[in-house]
Amino acid sequence: MILDTGGIIHLYGRYGVGKTVLLDKFAKQITGNYQCIMINYTAIEPYCFLLNLSKTLGMAGRNNTTNLVLQIQEYFKNAGGGIVLIIDEAQDLNIKTLEALKLITSQHVST
């Protein structure tokens, strides 16, 4: 599988058509220098979302949202290859969580 750098893909469809199955299959096919991170539960506050992401990355959680953002930014900056972040059920992200997501990814997405 060949991945280009940067960008966002939006996958949508009706309930029950297999979007999550497709995303899971896609994630399992990613090879090479890419690290795939899949977040499935998104109807949570920014701190909890970032804490979940940091734990998925194998990091110890920090004590507040700002520290989590800095920790995850540093992780992304030092990652050896590309990072593919898959957010299933992204429509459930609240605006503050989207803003936090923008902070951690904005320095690392090339267009």
C-alpha atoms as a PDB file:
ATOM      1  CA  MET A   1       0.000   0.000   0.000  1.00  0.00           C
ATOM      2  CA  ILE A   2       1.369   3.410  -0.943  1.00  0.00           C
ATOM      3  CA  LEU A   3       0.512   6.364   1.246  1.00  0.00           C
ATOM      4  CA  ASP A   4       1.151   9.970   0.356  1.00  0.00           C
ATOM      5  CA  THR A   5       2.015  12.438   3.092  1.00  0.00           C
ATOM      6  CA  GLY A   6      -0.488  14.847   4.523  1.00  0.00           C
ATOM      7  CA  GLY A   7      -4.161  15.340   4.146  1.00  0.00           C
ATOM      8  CA  ILE A   8      -7.435  14.156   5.549  1.00  0.00           C
ATOM      9  CA  ILE A   9      -9.775  11.512   4.199  1.00  0.00           C
ATOM     10  CA  HIS A  10     -13.458  11.597   5.083  1.00  0.00           C
ATOM     11  CA  LEU A  11     -15.338   8.313   4.851  1.00  0.00           C
ATOM     12  CA  TYR A  12     -19.076   8.450   5.318  1.00  0.00           C
ATOM     13  CA  GLY A  13     -22.078   6.244   4.771  1.00  0.00           C
ATOM     14  CA  ARG A  14     -25.260   5.013   6.381  1.00  0.00           C
ATOM     15  CA  TYR A  15     -25.300   3.169   9.664  1.00  0.00           C
ATOM     16  CA  GLY A  16     -24.362  -0.486   9.319  1.00  0.00           C
ATOM     17  CA  VAL A  17     -22.766  -0.463   5.856  1.00  0.00           C
ATOM     18  CA  GLY A  18     -19.317  -1.484   7.137  1.00  0.00           C
ATOM     19  CA  LYS A  19     -17.324   1.739   7.544  1.00  0.00           C
ATOM     20  CA  THR A  20     -15.625   0.537  10.731  1.00  0.00           C
ATOM     21  CA  VAL A  21     -14.815  -2.833   9.157  1.00  0.00           C
ATOM     22  CA  LEU A  22     -13.310  -1.043   6.150  1.00  0.00           C
ATOM     23  CA  LEU A  23     -11.225   1.251   8.377  1.00  0.00           C
ATOM     24  CA  ASP A  24      -9.982  -1.710  10.411  1.00  0.00           C
ATOM     25  CA  LYS A  25      -8.978  -3.578   7.243  1.00  0.00           C
ATOM     26  CA  PHE A  26      -7.249  -0.443   5.917  1.00  0.00           C
ATOM     27  CA  ALA A  27      -5.346  -0.028   9.206  1.00  0.00           C
ATOM     28  CA  LYS A  28      -4.118  -3.633   9.103  1.00  0.00           C
ATOM     29  CA  GLN A  29      -2.762  -3.179   5.563  1.00  0.00           C
ATOM     30  CA  ILE A  30      -0.570  -0.204   6.444  1.00  0.00           C
ATOM     31  CA  THR A  31       3.063  -1.249   6.319  1.00  0.00           C
ATOM     32  CA  GLY A  32       6.493   0.273   6.084  1.00  0.00           C
ATOM     33  CA  ASN A  33       7.548   3.225   8.195  1.00  0.00           C
ATOM     34  CA  TYR A  34       3.972   4.181   9.034  1.00  0.00           C
ATOM     35  CA  GLN A  35       2.495   3.856  12.484  1.00  0.00           C
ATOM     36  CA  CYS A  36      -1.276   3.441  12.471  1.00  0.00           C
ATOM     37  CA  ILE A  37      -3.320   4.705  15.401  1.00  0.00           C
ATOM     38  CA  MET A  38      -7.043   3.984  15.496  1.00  0.00           C
ATOM     39  CA  ILE A  39      -9.327   5.775  17.949  1.00  0.00           C
ATOM     40  CA  ASN A  40     -12.831   4.340  18.161  1.00  0.00           C
ATOM     41  CA  TYR A  41     -14.563   6.185  20.970  1.00  0.00           C
ATOM     42  CA  THR A  42     -14.866   9.927  20.442  1.00  0.00           C
ATOM     43  CA  ALA A  43     -17.912  11.209  22.356  1.00  0.00           C
ATOM     44  CA  ILE A  44     -15.687  12.477  25.169  1.00  0.00           C
ATOM     45  CA  GLU A  45     -14.132  15.717  26.361  1.00  0.00           C
ATOM     46  CA  PRO A  46     -10.769  16.888  24.938  1.00  0.00           C
ATOM     47  CA  TYR A  47      -8.715  15.799  27.962  1.00  0.00           C
ATOM     48  CA  CYS A  48     -10.155  12.268  27.844  1.00  0.00           C
ATOM     49  CA  PHE A  49      -9.677  12.048  24.062  1.00  0.00           C
ATOM     50  CA  LEU A  50      -6.045  13.151  24.331  1.00  0.00           C
ATOM     51  CA  LEU A  51      -5.454  10.858  27.310  1.00  0.00           C
ATOM     52  CA  ASN A  52      -6.853   7.948  25.271  1.00  0.00           C
ATOM     53  CA  LEU A  53      -4.593   8.888  22.345  1.00  0.00           C
ATOM     54  CA  SER A  54      -1.514   9.163  24.563  1.00  0.00           C
ATOM     55  CA  LYS A  55      -2.217   5.755  26.122  1.00  0.00           C
ATOM     56  CA  THR A  56      -2.734   4.268  22.643  1.00  0.00           C
ATOM     57  CA  LEU A  57       0.715   5.644  21.764  1.00  0.00           C
ATOM     58  CA  GLY A  58       2.142   3.945  24.860  1.00  0.00           C
ATOM     59  CA  MET A  59       2.807   7.149  26.774  1.00  0.00           C
ATOM     60  CA  ALA A  60       2.030   7.866  30.388  1.00  0.00           C
ATOM     61  CA  GLY A  61      -0.786  10.397  30.611  1.00  0.00           C
ATOM     62  CA  ARG A  62      -0.148  13.935  31.728  1.00  0.00           C
ATOM     63  CA  ASN A  63      -2.071  15.956  34.275  1.00  0.00           C
ATOM     64  CA  ASN A  64      -3.837  18.446  31.982  1.00  0.00           C
ATOM     65  CA  THR A  65      -4.879  19.079  28.385  1.00  0.00           C
ATOM     66  CA  THR A  66      -2.005  21.456  27.595  1.00  0.00           C
ATOM     67  CA  ASN A  67       0.614  18.969  28.769  1.00  0.00           C
ATOM     68  CA  LEU A  68      -1.049  16.157  26.808  1.00  0.00           C
ATOM     69  CA  VAL A  69      -1.040  18.281  23.635  1.00  0.00           C
ATOM     70  CA  LEU A  70       2.665  19.063  24.106  1.00  0.00           C
ATOM     71  CA  GLN A  71       3.488  15.418  24.818  1.00  0.00           C
ATOM     72  CA  ILE A  72       1.634  14.166  21.731  1.00  0.00           C
ATOM     73  CA  GLN A  73       3.124  16.914  19.525  1.00  0.00           C
ATOM     74  CA  GLU A  74       6.592  15.840  20.654  1.00  0.00           C
ATOM     75  CA  TYR A  75       5.767  12.199  19.936  1.00  0.00           C
ATOM     76  CA  PHE A  76       4.550  13.030  16.414  1.00  0.00           C
ATOM     77  CA  LYS A  77       7.617  15.219  15.812  1.00  0.00           C
ATOM     78  CA  ASN A  78      10.014  12.434  16.800  1.00  0.00           C
ATOM     79  CA  ALA A  79       8.167   9.571  15.098  1.00  0.00           C
ATOM     80  CA  GLY A  80      10.501   7.732  12.756  1.00  0.00           C
ATOM     81  CA  GLY A  81       8.023   7.392   9.910  1.00  0.00           C
ATOM     82  CA  GLY A  82       4.616   8.696   9.059  1.00  0.00           C
ATOM     83  CA  ILE A  83       1.671   8.507  11.394  1.00  0.00           C
ATOM     84  CA  VAL A  84      -1.772   7.511  10.163  1.00  0.00           C
ATOM     85  CA  LEU A  85      -4.410   8.620  12.653  1.00  0.00           C
ATOM     86  CA  ILE A  86      -7.808   7.012  12.084  1.00  0.00           C
ATOM     87  CA  ILE A  87     -10.714   8.451  14.044  1.00  0.00           C
ATOM     88  CA  ASP A  88     -13.811   6.300  13.782  1.00  0.00           C
ATOM     89  CA  GLU A  89     -17.063   8.079  14.665  1.00  0.00           C
ATOM     90  CA  ALA A  90     -15.371  11.468  14.251  1.00  0.00           C
ATOM     91  CA  GLN A  91     -18.772  13.118  13.917  1.00  0.00           C
ATOM     92  CA  ASP A  92     -19.074  12.738  17.702  1.00  0.00           C
ATOM     93  CA  LEU A  93     -16.030  14.909  18.405  1.00  0.00           C
ATOM     94  CA  ASN A  94     -17.005  18.147  20.095  1.00  0.00           C
ATOM     95  CA  ILE A  95     -15.556  21.466  18.930  1.00  0.00           C
ATOM     96  CA  LYS A  96     -12.991  21.687  21.754  1.00  0.00           C
ATOM     97  CA  THR A  97     -11.728  18.193  20.986  1.00  0.00           C
ATOM     98  CA  LEU A  98     -11.454  19.143  17.293  1.00  0.00           C
ATOM     99  CA  GLU A  99      -9.408  22.189  18.297  1.00  0.00           C
ATOM    100  CA  ALA A 100      -7.081  19.996  20.389  1.00  0.00           C
ATOM    101  CA  LEU A 101      -6.758  17.581  17.460  1.00  0.00           C
ATOM    102  CA  LYS A 102      -5.895  20.498  15.194  1.00  0.00           C
ATOM    103  CA  LEU A 103      -3.150  21.558  17.626  1.00  0.00           C
ATOM    104  CA  ILE A 104      -1.489  18.150  17.689  1.00  0.00           C
ATOM    105  CA  THR A 105      -1.654  17.588  13.940  1.00  0.00           C
ATOM    106  CA  SER A 106      -1.169  21.054  12.424  1.00  0.00           C
ATOM    107  CA  GLN A 107       2.619  20.974  12.609  1.00  0.00           C
ATOM    108  CA  HIS A 108       2.792  17.535  11.037  1.00  0.00           C
ATOM    109  CA  VAL A 109       0.418  17.620   8.073  1.00  0.00           C
ATOM    110  CA  SER A 110       1.998  18.657   4.813  1.00  0.00           C
ATOM    111  CA  THR A 111      -0.167  19.690   1.888  1.00  0.00           C
END
